[in-house]
Amino acid sequence: MNVDGRGDLPQGWRFAALGDLCDIQGGGPALPRGDRAEDGVPLVRPADLRHQRISAHAGLIRVAPEQARGWLRHRITAGDILVTRTGAVGRAALVTPHEHEWLHNTHLLRVRPRDAAQAPYLVAYLARRATADWLESRAAGTTGMRSITVRTLSELPVALPPLDQQREIGAALAAVDAKIRAHEDIVRATGALRDTLSELLMSGRMKTSP
C-alpha cells in the first residue's frame, strides 16, 4: 500500500485526502525575542513536538495575554494536530487538554479533524516514515529550508480503515509512544541525578563511605 494512493487496500478501507477529513490552517505568528513574556500563553514551536505530543522539555516560549488576545485564530484546542511545515517537514503532535488554548507559531500547520474520533489515528498516520517521505518529496526550498504548504498537506492521501479499527490502531500506537516518552523521562531524570551526584562527590561535599 502506497501513501500516494496507489495499491490495494484491505476490504472496507478507502483512501481520502487529508483536506477532506480536516480543516487545515496556515502557520501562526512569529514572535520576536524581545516580545516574549515570563508569564502568559505558551507558543508551540517545532522544537516542542516529541513523539507525537507537545513537550515542554525544550523550554516553552510565552506570549503576554494582551498580545495573545489578538491571535485567537491561532489558538489550538484538544484534538487538534500540529504539523511542522518547515525544516524537518511533516512531524506531527496531537494536542491534549493540557495544551488547550495555547498558540502555535508560524512554522506549524494546525490540522483540525472534522470527526474528533479520527484524531489519534490521523496523528499516527502522519507520523509514518512513508508519510514523511511523501511530504518531503513535495516540499519546496533548499536543504535545511524546506517547507510545505496547506495545499500540499491537504492533498495527502490517507488510507482509512473503518472507524472502530482507526480507534484500535490509534490507541495501540499511542500506548507505544507513551512508553517511549516515559523512558525518555527516566533517562533525563537519571542523567540529572548523575550530574548532581558527580558534583557532590568531586567537590568533597559527599563521602563515598562513612
N, C-alpha and C. Protein backbone atom coordinates (compact mmCIF):
# COMPACT_ATOMS: atom_id res chain seq x y z
N MET A 1 0.85 -1.20 0.00
CA MET A 1 0.00 0.00 0.00
C MET A 1 0.88 1.24 0.00
N ASN A 2 0.67 2.16 -0.94
CA ASN A 2 1.48 3.36 -1.07
C ASN A 2 0.75 4.57 -0.53
N VAL A 3 1.51 5.52 0.03
CA VAL A 3 0.92 6.74 0.55
C VAL A 3 0.31 7.57 -0.58
N ASP A 4 0.81 7.42 -1.79
CA ASP A 4 0.30 8.24 -2.88
C ASP A 4 -1.06 7.78 -3.39
N GLY A 5 -1.65 6.82 -2.72
CA GLY A 5 -3.00 6.42 -3.08
C GLY A 5 -3.07 5.27 -4.04
N ARG A 6 -1.92 4.70 -4.42
CA ARG A 6 -1.92 3.54 -5.30
C ARG A 6 -1.73 2.28 -4.48
N GLY A 7 -2.23 1.20 -4.98
CA GLY A 7 -2.07 -0.07 -4.30
C GLY A 7 -3.38 -0.56 -3.72
N ASP A 8 -3.41 -1.82 -3.40
CA ASP A 8 -4.62 -2.43 -2.89
C ASP A 8 -4.79 -2.11 -1.40
N LEU A 9 -6.04 -1.94 -1.00
CA LEU A 9 -6.38 -1.74 0.39
C LEU A 9 -7.18 -2.94 0.89
N PRO A 10 -7.10 -3.22 2.19
CA PRO A 10 -7.95 -4.29 2.73
C PRO A 10 -9.43 -3.95 2.52
N GLN A 11 -10.24 -4.96 2.52
CA GLN A 11 -11.68 -4.75 2.34
C GLN A 11 -12.21 -3.82 3.44
N GLY A 12 -13.00 -2.87 3.04
CA GLY A 12 -13.58 -1.93 3.98
C GLY A 12 -12.75 -0.67 4.18
N TRP A 13 -11.53 -0.66 3.64
CA TRP A 13 -10.68 0.52 3.73
C TRP A 13 -10.94 1.42 2.51
N ARG A 14 -10.52 2.69 2.62
CA ARG A 14 -10.63 3.61 1.49
C ARG A 14 -9.55 4.68 1.61
N PHE A 15 -9.26 5.35 0.52
CA PHE A 15 -8.36 6.49 0.53
C PHE A 15 -9.19 7.78 0.59
N ALA A 16 -8.69 8.76 1.34
CA ALA A 16 -9.30 10.09 1.38
C ALA A 16 -8.19 11.11 1.52
N ALA A 17 -8.35 12.26 0.90
CA ALA A 17 -7.38 13.35 1.07
C ALA A 17 -7.52 13.93 2.47
N LEU A 18 -6.38 14.28 3.08
CA LEU A 18 -6.42 14.81 4.43
C LEU A 18 -7.30 16.06 4.51
N GLY A 19 -7.27 16.86 3.45
CA GLY A 19 -8.09 18.07 3.42
C GLY A 19 -9.57 17.81 3.41
N ASP A 20 -9.99 16.59 3.02
CA ASP A 20 -11.41 16.23 3.06
C ASP A 20 -11.82 15.75 4.45
N LEU A 21 -10.84 15.45 5.28
CA LEU A 21 -11.11 14.94 6.63
C LEU A 21 -10.92 16.01 7.70
N CYS A 22 -10.15 17.06 7.37
CA CYS A 22 -9.74 18.03 8.38
C CYS A 22 -9.78 19.46 7.82
N ASP A 23 -9.91 20.40 8.72
CA ASP A 23 -9.68 21.81 8.39
C ASP A 23 -8.22 22.11 8.69
N ILE A 24 -7.49 22.62 7.71
CA ILE A 24 -6.05 22.85 7.86
C ILE A 24 -5.78 24.34 7.77
N GLN A 25 -5.08 24.84 8.76
CA GLN A 25 -4.79 26.28 8.85
C GLN A 25 -3.30 26.53 8.76
N GLY A 26 -2.95 27.64 8.13
CA GLY A 26 -1.55 28.00 7.96
C GLY A 26 -0.87 28.40 9.24
N GLY A 27 0.42 28.70 9.15
CA GLY A 27 1.24 28.99 10.30
C GLY A 27 0.77 30.20 11.09
N GLY A 28 1.05 30.19 12.38
CA GLY A 28 0.67 31.27 13.26
C GLY A 28 1.70 32.37 13.31
N PRO A 29 1.73 33.13 14.38
CA PRO A 29 2.62 34.30 14.47
C PRO A 29 4.07 33.91 14.72
N ALA A 30 4.96 34.77 14.26
CA ALA A 30 6.38 34.69 14.63
C ALA A 30 6.59 35.70 15.74
N LEU A 31 7.19 35.27 16.83
CA LEU A 31 7.32 36.15 18.00
C LEU A 31 8.76 36.60 18.14
N PRO A 32 9.04 37.90 17.95
CA PRO A 32 10.41 38.39 18.17
C PRO A 32 10.85 38.13 19.60
N ARG A 33 12.14 37.90 19.78
CA ARG A 33 12.65 37.56 21.11
C ARG A 33 12.29 38.63 22.13
N GLY A 34 12.29 39.88 21.73
CA GLY A 34 12.00 40.95 22.67
C GLY A 34 10.56 41.00 23.13
N ASP A 35 9.68 40.29 22.42
CA ASP A 35 8.26 40.31 22.78
C ASP A 35 7.86 39.14 23.67
N ARG A 36 8.80 38.29 24.05
CA ARG A 36 8.47 37.14 24.87
C ARG A 36 8.19 37.57 26.31
N ALA A 37 7.27 36.84 26.93
CA ALA A 37 6.85 37.18 28.29
C ALA A 37 7.25 36.09 29.26
N GLU A 38 7.45 36.46 30.52
CA GLU A 38 7.77 35.48 31.55
C GLU A 38 6.57 34.60 31.83
N ASP A 39 5.41 35.22 31.90
CA ASP A 39 4.16 34.51 32.12
C ASP A 39 3.23 34.83 30.96
N GLY A 40 2.33 33.93 30.67
CA GLY A 40 1.40 34.17 29.58
C GLY A 40 1.02 32.89 28.90
N VAL A 41 0.59 33.01 27.65
CA VAL A 41 0.10 31.87 26.88
C VAL A 41 1.27 31.21 26.15
N PRO A 42 1.48 29.91 26.32
CA PRO A 42 2.58 29.24 25.61
C PRO A 42 2.38 29.27 24.09
N LEU A 43 3.49 29.43 23.38
CA LEU A 43 3.51 29.43 21.92
C LEU A 43 4.30 28.20 21.47
N VAL A 44 3.62 27.25 20.84
CA VAL A 44 4.25 25.98 20.47
C VAL A 44 5.08 26.15 19.21
N ARG A 45 6.31 25.60 19.25
CA ARG A 45 7.24 25.63 18.13
C ARG A 45 7.54 24.20 17.68
N PRO A 46 8.14 24.01 16.51
CA PRO A 46 8.53 22.65 16.10
C PRO A 46 9.39 21.93 17.12
N ALA A 47 10.27 22.65 17.81
CA ALA A 47 11.14 22.01 18.81
C ALA A 47 10.36 21.42 19.97
N ASP A 48 9.11 21.84 20.14
CA ASP A 48 8.30 21.35 21.26
C ASP A 48 7.56 20.05 20.91
N LEU A 49 7.68 19.57 19.68
CA LEU A 49 6.99 18.34 19.26
C LEU A 49 7.91 17.15 19.44
N ARG A 50 7.49 16.18 20.27
CA ARG A 50 8.29 14.98 20.52
C ARG A 50 7.38 13.78 20.66
N HIS A 51 7.65 12.77 19.82
CA HIS A 51 6.91 11.51 19.89
C HIS A 51 5.40 11.72 19.89
N GLN A 52 4.94 12.53 18.96
CA GLN A 52 3.53 12.75 18.69
C GLN A 52 2.79 13.50 19.80
N ARG A 53 3.52 14.18 20.66
CA ARG A 53 2.93 15.02 21.68
C ARG A 53 3.74 16.32 21.80
N ILE A 54 3.19 17.30 22.54
CA ILE A 54 3.89 18.56 22.79
C ILE A 54 4.64 18.42 24.10
N SER A 55 5.94 18.70 24.06
CA SER A 55 6.80 18.55 25.23
C SER A 55 7.32 19.92 25.66
N ALA A 56 7.42 20.11 26.96
CA ALA A 56 7.94 21.38 27.49
C ALA A 56 9.41 21.30 27.82
N HIS A 57 10.07 20.18 27.47
CA HIS A 57 11.45 19.99 27.88
C HIS A 57 12.40 21.02 27.26
N ALA A 58 12.06 21.51 26.08
CA ALA A 58 12.93 22.49 25.42
C ALA A 58 12.75 23.88 26.01
N GLY A 59 11.77 24.08 26.89
CA GLY A 59 11.51 25.40 27.46
C GLY A 59 10.50 26.15 26.62
N LEU A 60 9.33 26.36 27.17
CA LEU A 60 8.25 26.98 26.40
C LEU A 60 8.46 28.48 26.26
N ILE A 61 8.12 28.99 25.09
CA ILE A 61 8.06 30.44 24.85
C ILE A 61 6.64 30.88 25.20
N ARG A 62 6.51 32.04 25.84
CA ARG A 62 5.19 32.52 26.24
C ARG A 62 4.91 33.89 25.65
N VAL A 63 3.62 34.13 25.42
CA VAL A 63 3.14 35.38 24.85
C VAL A 63 2.31 36.10 25.90
N ALA A 64 2.51 37.39 26.04
CA ALA A 64 1.73 38.18 27.00
C ALA A 64 0.25 38.04 26.69
N PRO A 65 -0.61 37.92 27.73
CA PRO A 65 -2.05 37.70 27.49
C PRO A 65 -2.68 38.73 26.58
N GLU A 66 -2.31 40.00 26.73
CA GLU A 66 -2.93 41.03 25.88
C GLU A 66 -2.53 40.86 24.42
N GLN A 67 -1.31 40.38 24.17
CA GLN A 67 -0.88 40.12 22.79
C GLN A 67 -1.55 38.86 22.26
N ALA A 68 -1.69 37.85 23.09
CA ALA A 68 -2.32 36.60 22.68
C ALA A 68 -3.77 36.81 22.27
N ARG A 69 -4.45 37.79 22.86
CA ARG A 69 -5.85 38.03 22.51
C ARG A 69 -6.02 38.43 21.06
N GLY A 70 -4.97 38.99 20.46
CA GLY A 70 -5.04 39.36 19.05
C GLY A 70 -4.74 38.21 18.11
N TRP A 71 -4.40 37.04 18.67
CA TRP A 71 -4.03 35.88 17.85
C TRP A 71 -4.99 34.71 18.10
N LEU A 72 -6.25 35.01 18.35
CA LEU A 72 -7.22 33.96 18.67
C LEU A 72 -7.32 32.93 17.55
N ARG A 73 -7.11 33.36 16.33
CA ARG A 73 -7.21 32.43 15.19
C ARG A 73 -6.18 31.31 15.28
N HIS A 74 -5.09 31.57 15.99
CA HIS A 74 -4.01 30.60 16.07
C HIS A 74 -3.99 29.84 17.39
N ARG A 75 -5.11 29.90 18.11
CA ARG A 75 -5.23 29.08 19.32
C ARG A 75 -5.48 27.63 18.92
N ILE A 76 -4.96 26.73 19.71
CA ILE A 76 -5.16 25.30 19.47
C ILE A 76 -6.10 24.74 20.52
N THR A 77 -6.75 23.66 20.17
CA THR A 77 -7.70 23.04 21.09
C THR A 77 -7.44 21.54 21.15
N ALA A 78 -7.85 20.91 22.23
CA ALA A 78 -7.64 19.47 22.39
C ALA A 78 -8.23 18.72 21.20
N GLY A 79 -7.44 17.80 20.65
CA GLY A 79 -7.86 17.05 19.47
C GLY A 79 -7.29 17.59 18.17
N ASP A 80 -6.73 18.82 18.20
CA ASP A 80 -6.03 19.33 17.02
C ASP A 80 -4.73 18.54 16.82
N ILE A 81 -4.21 18.61 15.61
CA ILE A 81 -2.90 18.02 15.30
C ILE A 81 -2.03 19.15 14.75
N LEU A 82 -0.82 19.27 15.27
CA LEU A 82 0.14 20.24 14.74
C LEU A 82 1.15 19.52 13.88
N VAL A 83 1.48 20.11 12.73
CA VAL A 83 2.40 19.50 11.77
C VAL A 83 3.46 20.53 11.39
N THR A 84 4.73 20.14 11.44
CA THR A 84 5.80 21.07 11.07
C THR A 84 5.74 21.34 9.57
N ARG A 85 5.78 22.62 9.20
CA ARG A 85 5.72 22.97 7.79
C ARG A 85 7.08 23.38 7.23
N THR A 86 8.07 23.60 8.12
CA THR A 86 9.41 23.99 7.67
C THR A 86 10.45 23.07 8.29
N GLY A 87 11.66 23.07 7.71
CA GLY A 87 12.74 22.24 8.24
C GLY A 87 12.45 20.77 8.03
N ALA A 88 12.38 20.01 9.13
CA ALA A 88 12.01 18.59 9.06
C ALA A 88 10.49 18.53 8.92
N VAL A 89 10.02 18.68 7.68
CA VAL A 89 8.58 18.83 7.44
C VAL A 89 7.83 17.54 7.80
N GLY A 90 6.60 17.74 8.29
CA GLY A 90 5.71 16.60 8.49
C GLY A 90 5.71 15.99 9.87
N ARG A 91 6.57 16.44 10.80
CA ARG A 91 6.48 15.91 12.17
C ARG A 91 5.17 16.37 12.78
N ALA A 92 4.51 15.48 13.52
CA ALA A 92 3.15 15.77 13.99
C ALA A 92 3.02 15.52 15.48
N ALA A 93 2.07 16.21 16.09
CA ALA A 93 1.77 16.01 17.52
C ALA A 93 0.30 16.27 17.75
N LEU A 94 -0.29 15.46 18.61
CA LEU A 94 -1.69 15.61 18.99
C LEU A 94 -1.79 16.56 20.18
N VAL A 95 -2.69 17.51 20.10
CA VAL A 95 -2.91 18.46 21.19
C VAL A 95 -3.81 17.80 22.23
N THR A 96 -3.38 17.82 23.48
CA THR A 96 -4.14 17.24 24.58
C THR A 96 -4.86 18.35 25.35
N PRO A 97 -5.76 17.99 26.29
CA PRO A 97 -6.42 19.03 27.09
C PRO A 97 -5.44 19.93 27.84
N HIS A 98 -4.25 19.43 28.15
CA HIS A 98 -3.26 20.25 28.87
C HIS A 98 -2.85 21.46 28.04
N GLU A 99 -2.82 21.33 26.70
CA GLU A 99 -2.38 22.43 25.83
C GLU A 99 -3.55 23.22 25.24
N HIS A 100 -4.76 22.97 25.73
CA HIS A 100 -5.95 23.64 25.21
C HIS A 100 -5.81 25.15 25.31
N GLU A 101 -6.03 25.84 24.18
CA GLU A 101 -5.99 27.30 24.06
C GLU A 101 -4.58 27.87 24.11
N TRP A 102 -3.56 27.03 23.90
CA TRP A 102 -2.23 27.56 23.63
C TRP A 102 -2.21 28.10 22.20
N LEU A 103 -1.07 28.63 21.77
CA LEU A 103 -0.90 29.15 20.41
C LEU A 103 0.10 28.29 19.65
N HIS A 104 0.02 28.32 18.32
CA HIS A 104 1.06 27.68 17.51
C HIS A 104 1.74 28.73 16.66
N ASN A 105 3.05 28.53 16.40
CA ASN A 105 3.78 29.57 15.70
C ASN A 105 3.77 29.37 14.19
N THR A 106 4.52 30.23 13.50
CA THR A 106 4.46 30.28 12.04
C THR A 106 5.01 29.04 11.35
N HIS A 107 5.80 28.24 12.06
CA HIS A 107 6.42 27.06 11.44
C HIS A 107 5.57 25.79 11.59
N LEU A 108 4.36 25.94 12.09
CA LEU A 108 3.47 24.80 12.28
C LEU A 108 2.15 25.03 11.56
N LEU A 109 1.59 23.95 11.03
CA LEU A 109 0.25 23.96 10.47
C LEU A 109 -0.70 23.31 11.48
N ARG A 110 -1.89 23.87 11.60
CA ARG A 110 -2.88 23.29 12.51
C ARG A 110 -3.88 22.46 11.71
N VAL A 111 -3.99 21.19 12.08
CA VAL A 111 -4.91 20.26 11.42
C VAL A 111 -6.01 19.93 12.42
N ARG A 112 -7.26 20.25 12.07
CA ARG A 112 -8.39 20.02 12.98
C ARG A 112 -9.35 19.00 12.35
N PRO A 113 -9.31 17.73 12.81
CA PRO A 113 -10.20 16.71 12.24
C PRO A 113 -11.66 17.11 12.42
N ARG A 114 -12.46 16.89 11.36
CA ARG A 114 -13.89 17.17 11.46
C ARG A 114 -14.59 16.15 12.35
N ASP A 115 -14.03 14.95 12.42
CA ASP A 115 -14.51 13.93 13.35
C ASP A 115 -13.42 13.72 14.39
N ALA A 116 -13.65 14.19 15.61
CA ALA A 116 -12.62 14.13 16.65
C ALA A 116 -12.15 12.71 16.93
N ALA A 117 -13.01 11.71 16.67
CA ALA A 117 -12.65 10.32 16.93
C ALA A 117 -11.51 9.85 16.03
N GLN A 118 -11.28 10.55 14.91
CA GLN A 118 -10.22 10.16 13.99
C GLN A 118 -8.85 10.71 14.38
N ALA A 119 -8.79 11.64 15.32
CA ALA A 119 -7.53 12.33 15.62
C ALA A 119 -6.39 11.39 15.99
N PRO A 120 -6.56 10.42 16.91
CA PRO A 120 -5.43 9.55 17.25
C PRO A 120 -4.91 8.75 16.06
N TYR A 121 -5.82 8.30 15.19
CA TYR A 121 -5.39 7.55 14.01
C TYR A 121 -4.64 8.48 13.05
N LEU A 122 -5.16 9.68 12.85
CA LEU A 122 -4.55 10.58 11.89
C LEU A 122 -3.15 11.03 12.32
N VAL A 123 -2.97 11.28 13.62
CA VAL A 123 -1.62 11.68 14.05
C VAL A 123 -0.66 10.52 13.89
N ALA A 124 -1.12 9.29 14.11
CA ALA A 124 -0.27 8.12 13.90
C ALA A 124 0.05 7.96 12.41
N TYR A 125 -0.92 8.23 11.55
CA TYR A 125 -0.69 8.12 10.10
C TYR A 125 0.32 9.18 9.65
N LEU A 126 0.19 10.38 10.18
CA LEU A 126 1.12 11.45 9.83
C LEU A 126 2.53 11.15 10.31
N ALA A 127 2.65 10.37 11.38
CA ALA A 127 3.96 10.05 11.95
C ALA A 127 4.69 8.95 11.19
N ARG A 128 4.04 8.31 10.22
CA ARG A 128 4.68 7.22 9.47
C ARG A 128 5.84 7.75 8.63
N ARG A 129 6.87 6.92 8.47
CA ARG A 129 8.01 7.28 7.64
C ARG A 129 7.56 7.50 6.19
N ALA A 130 6.63 6.67 5.71
CA ALA A 130 6.17 6.82 4.32
C ALA A 130 5.47 8.16 4.12
N THR A 131 4.74 8.62 5.13
CA THR A 131 4.07 9.92 5.03
C THR A 131 5.10 11.04 5.01
N ALA A 132 6.10 10.95 5.89
CA ALA A 132 7.17 11.97 5.91
C ALA A 132 7.88 12.03 4.56
N ASP A 133 8.15 10.87 3.97
CA ASP A 133 8.81 10.83 2.66
C ASP A 133 7.94 11.49 1.59
N TRP A 134 6.63 11.22 1.65
CA TRP A 134 5.69 11.80 0.67
C TRP A 134 5.71 13.32 0.77
N LEU A 135 5.67 13.85 1.99
CA LEU A 135 5.67 15.29 2.18
C LEU A 135 7.01 15.90 1.80
N GLU A 136 8.10 15.24 2.19
CA GLU A 136 9.43 15.75 1.86
C GLU A 136 9.63 15.83 0.35
N SER A 137 9.12 14.86 -0.38
CA SER A 137 9.29 14.85 -1.84
C SER A 137 8.54 15.99 -2.51
N ARG A 138 7.59 16.57 -1.80
CA ARG A 138 6.78 17.66 -2.36
C ARG A 138 7.09 19.00 -1.71
N ALA A 139 8.07 19.03 -0.81
CA ALA A 139 8.44 20.28 -0.14
C ALA A 139 9.24 21.16 -1.09
N ALA A 140 9.11 22.44 -0.90
CA ALA A 140 9.84 23.42 -1.72
C ALA A 140 11.01 23.98 -0.92
N GLY A 141 12.01 24.50 -1.64
CA GLY A 141 13.13 25.15 -0.98
C GLY A 141 14.38 24.31 -1.00
N THR A 142 15.44 24.83 -0.38
CA THR A 142 16.74 24.17 -0.36
C THR A 142 16.88 23.33 0.91
N THR A 143 17.92 22.50 0.95
CA THR A 143 18.17 21.66 2.11
C THR A 143 18.29 22.51 3.37
N GLY A 144 17.56 22.12 4.41
CA GLY A 144 17.56 22.87 5.65
C GLY A 144 16.52 23.97 5.70
N MET A 145 15.98 24.35 4.53
CA MET A 145 14.97 25.41 4.47
C MET A 145 13.73 24.92 3.73
N ARG A 146 13.48 23.64 3.79
CA ARG A 146 12.34 23.06 3.08
C ARG A 146 11.04 23.47 3.76
N SER A 147 9.95 23.54 2.99
CA SER A 147 8.66 23.89 3.57
C SER A 147 7.54 23.27 2.75
N ILE A 148 6.41 23.05 3.42
CA ILE A 148 5.22 22.57 2.74
C ILE A 148 4.10 23.58 2.94
N THR A 149 3.12 23.53 2.08
CA THR A 149 2.00 24.46 2.13
C THR A 149 0.76 23.75 2.66
N VAL A 150 -0.25 24.55 2.96
CA VAL A 150 -1.55 24.00 3.34
C VAL A 150 -2.08 23.11 2.23
N ARG A 151 -1.91 23.55 1.00
CA ARG A 151 -2.42 22.78 -0.14
C ARG A 151 -1.74 21.41 -0.22
N THR A 152 -0.42 21.38 -0.05
CA THR A 152 0.31 20.11 -0.11
C THR A 152 -0.20 19.15 0.96
N LEU A 153 -0.31 19.64 2.20
CA LEU A 153 -0.78 18.78 3.28
C LEU A 153 -2.22 18.33 3.04
N SER A 154 -3.02 19.21 2.47
CA SER A 154 -4.42 18.87 2.19
C SER A 154 -4.54 17.74 1.18
N GLU A 155 -3.57 17.64 0.27
CA GLU A 155 -3.62 16.63 -0.78
C GLU A 155 -3.09 15.27 -0.34
N LEU A 156 -2.55 15.18 0.88
CA LEU A 156 -2.00 13.91 1.35
C LEU A 156 -3.07 12.82 1.35
N PRO A 157 -2.85 11.70 0.64
CA PRO A 157 -3.82 10.60 0.66
C PRO A 157 -3.69 9.82 1.97
N VAL A 158 -4.80 9.59 2.63
CA VAL A 158 -4.83 8.86 3.89
C VAL A 158 -5.59 7.56 3.69
N ALA A 159 -4.97 6.44 4.05
CA ALA A 159 -5.63 5.13 4.00
C ALA A 159 -6.46 4.97 5.26
N LEU A 160 -7.77 4.85 5.08
CA LEU A 160 -8.68 4.82 6.22
C LEU A 160 -9.36 3.46 6.38
N PRO A 161 -9.14 2.79 7.50
CA PRO A 161 -9.94 1.61 7.83
C PRO A 161 -11.27 2.06 8.42
N PRO A 162 -12.19 1.15 8.69
CA PRO A 162 -13.41 1.53 9.40
C PRO A 162 -13.07 2.20 10.73
N LEU A 163 -14.00 3.04 11.23
CA LEU A 163 -13.72 3.87 12.39
C LEU A 163 -13.32 3.05 13.61
N ASP A 164 -13.92 1.89 13.84
CA ASP A 164 -13.54 1.10 15.01
C ASP A 164 -12.10 0.64 14.92
N GLN A 165 -11.65 0.30 13.71
CA GLN A 165 -10.25 -0.09 13.53
C GLN A 165 -9.32 1.12 13.67
N GLN A 166 -9.78 2.29 13.23
CA GLN A 166 -8.99 3.51 13.43
C GLN A 166 -8.74 3.73 14.92
N ARG A 167 -9.78 3.55 15.73
CA ARG A 167 -9.63 3.75 17.17
C ARG A 167 -8.62 2.75 17.75
N GLU A 168 -8.72 1.50 17.32
CA GLU A 168 -7.82 0.47 17.85
C GLU A 168 -6.37 0.75 17.45
N ILE A 169 -6.17 1.10 16.18
CA ILE A 169 -4.81 1.38 15.70
C ILE A 169 -4.24 2.61 16.41
N GLY A 170 -5.05 3.67 16.49
CA GLY A 170 -4.58 4.89 17.15
C GLY A 170 -4.24 4.66 18.61
N ALA A 171 -5.06 3.88 19.31
CA ALA A 171 -4.82 3.61 20.74
C ALA A 171 -3.56 2.77 20.93
N ALA A 172 -3.37 1.76 20.07
CA ALA A 172 -2.19 0.89 20.20
C ALA A 172 -0.90 1.68 19.99
N LEU A 173 -0.86 2.52 18.98
CA LEU A 173 0.35 3.28 18.70
C LEU A 173 0.56 4.39 19.73
N ALA A 174 -0.53 4.97 20.23
CA ALA A 174 -0.40 6.00 21.28
C ALA A 174 0.19 5.39 22.55
N ALA A 175 -0.17 4.14 22.84
CA ALA A 175 0.39 3.47 24.03
C ALA A 175 1.89 3.27 23.89
N VAL A 176 2.34 2.91 22.68
CA VAL A 176 3.78 2.74 22.45
C VAL A 176 4.50 4.09 22.58
N ASP A 177 3.90 5.13 22.00
CA ASP A 177 4.51 6.47 22.11
C ASP A 177 4.62 6.90 23.56
N ALA A 178 3.60 6.59 24.36
CA ALA A 178 3.63 6.96 25.79
C ALA A 178 4.78 6.25 26.50
N LYS A 179 5.03 4.99 26.16
CA LYS A 179 6.14 4.25 26.77
C LYS A 179 7.47 4.88 26.38
N ILE A 180 7.60 5.30 25.13
CA ILE A 180 8.83 5.95 24.68
C ILE A 180 9.06 7.23 25.48
N ARG A 181 8.00 8.04 25.64
CA ARG A 181 8.14 9.29 26.39
C ARG A 181 8.49 9.02 27.85
N ALA A 182 7.88 7.97 28.43
CA ALA A 182 8.19 7.63 29.83
C ALA A 182 9.63 7.23 29.99
N HIS A 183 10.16 6.43 29.05
CA HIS A 183 11.56 6.02 29.12
C HIS A 183 12.49 7.23 28.96
N GLU A 184 12.12 8.15 28.07
CA GLU A 184 12.94 9.35 27.92
C GLU A 184 12.96 10.17 29.19
N ASP A 185 11.82 10.24 29.88
CA ASP A 185 11.76 10.98 31.15
C ASP A 185 12.67 10.34 32.19
N ILE A 186 12.69 9.00 32.22
CA ILE A 186 13.56 8.29 33.17
C ILE A 186 15.03 8.58 32.85
N VAL A 187 15.38 8.51 31.57
CA VAL A 187 16.76 8.78 31.17
C VAL A 187 17.14 10.21 31.53
N ARG A 188 16.22 11.16 31.29
CA ARG A 188 16.51 12.57 31.58
C ARG A 188 16.70 12.78 33.09
N ALA A 189 15.81 12.19 33.89
CA ALA A 189 15.91 12.35 35.34
C ALA A 189 17.17 11.67 35.88
N THR A 190 17.50 10.50 35.35
CA THR A 190 18.69 9.79 35.80
C THR A 190 19.95 10.56 35.43
N GLY A 191 19.95 11.16 34.25
CA GLY A 191 21.09 11.97 33.85
C GLY A 191 21.29 13.18 34.75
N ALA A 192 20.18 13.82 35.14
CA ALA A 192 20.28 14.96 36.04
C ALA A 192 20.79 14.53 37.41
N LEU A 193 20.31 13.35 37.87
CA LEU A 193 20.78 12.82 39.15
C LEU A 193 22.27 12.53 39.10
N ARG A 194 22.74 11.97 38.00
CA ARG A 194 24.15 11.65 37.84
C ARG A 194 24.99 12.92 37.89
N ASP A 195 24.52 13.98 37.22
CA ASP A 195 25.27 15.24 37.22
C ASP A 195 25.37 15.82 38.63
N THR A 196 24.26 15.77 39.38
CA THR A 196 24.27 16.28 40.75
C THR A 196 25.21 15.46 41.63
N LEU A 197 25.12 14.12 41.50
CA LEU A 197 25.97 13.24 42.29
C LEU A 197 27.44 13.47 41.98
N SER A 198 27.75 13.65 40.71
CA SER A 198 29.13 13.90 40.30
C SER A 198 29.67 15.16 40.96
N GLU A 199 28.87 16.25 40.97
CA GLU A 199 29.32 17.50 41.57
C GLU A 199 29.56 17.33 43.08
N LEU A 200 28.66 16.61 43.75
CA LEU A 200 28.79 16.41 45.19
C LEU A 200 30.03 15.58 45.53
N LEU A 201 30.23 14.49 44.78
CA LEU A 201 31.36 13.61 45.06
C LEU A 201 32.69 14.27 44.75
N MET A 202 32.77 14.97 43.63
CA MET A 202 34.03 15.53 43.18
C MET A 202 34.36 16.86 43.82
N SER A 203 33.42 17.38 44.63
CA SER A 203 33.72 18.58 45.40
C SER A 203 33.99 18.26 46.87
N GLY A 204 33.87 17.00 47.23
CA GLY A 204 34.11 16.59 48.61
C GLY A 204 32.93 16.82 49.52
N ARG A 205 31.79 17.26 48.97
CA ARG A 205 30.64 17.53 49.81
C ARG A 205 29.87 16.25 50.14
N MET A 206 30.18 15.17 49.47
CA MET A 206 29.57 13.87 49.77
C MET A 206 30.67 12.83 49.84
N LYS A 207 30.63 11.99 50.88
CA LYS A 207 31.62 10.95 51.05
C LYS A 207 31.12 9.64 50.46
N THR A 208 32.02 8.86 49.94
CA THR A 208 31.65 7.56 49.38
C THR A 208 31.51 6.49 50.46
N SER A 209 32.08 6.76 51.65
CA SER A 209 31.99 5.79 52.76
C SER A 209 32.01 6.56 54.08
N PRO A 210 31.50 5.95 55.14
CA PRO A 210 31.49 6.61 56.46
C PRO A 210 32.88 7.03 56.87
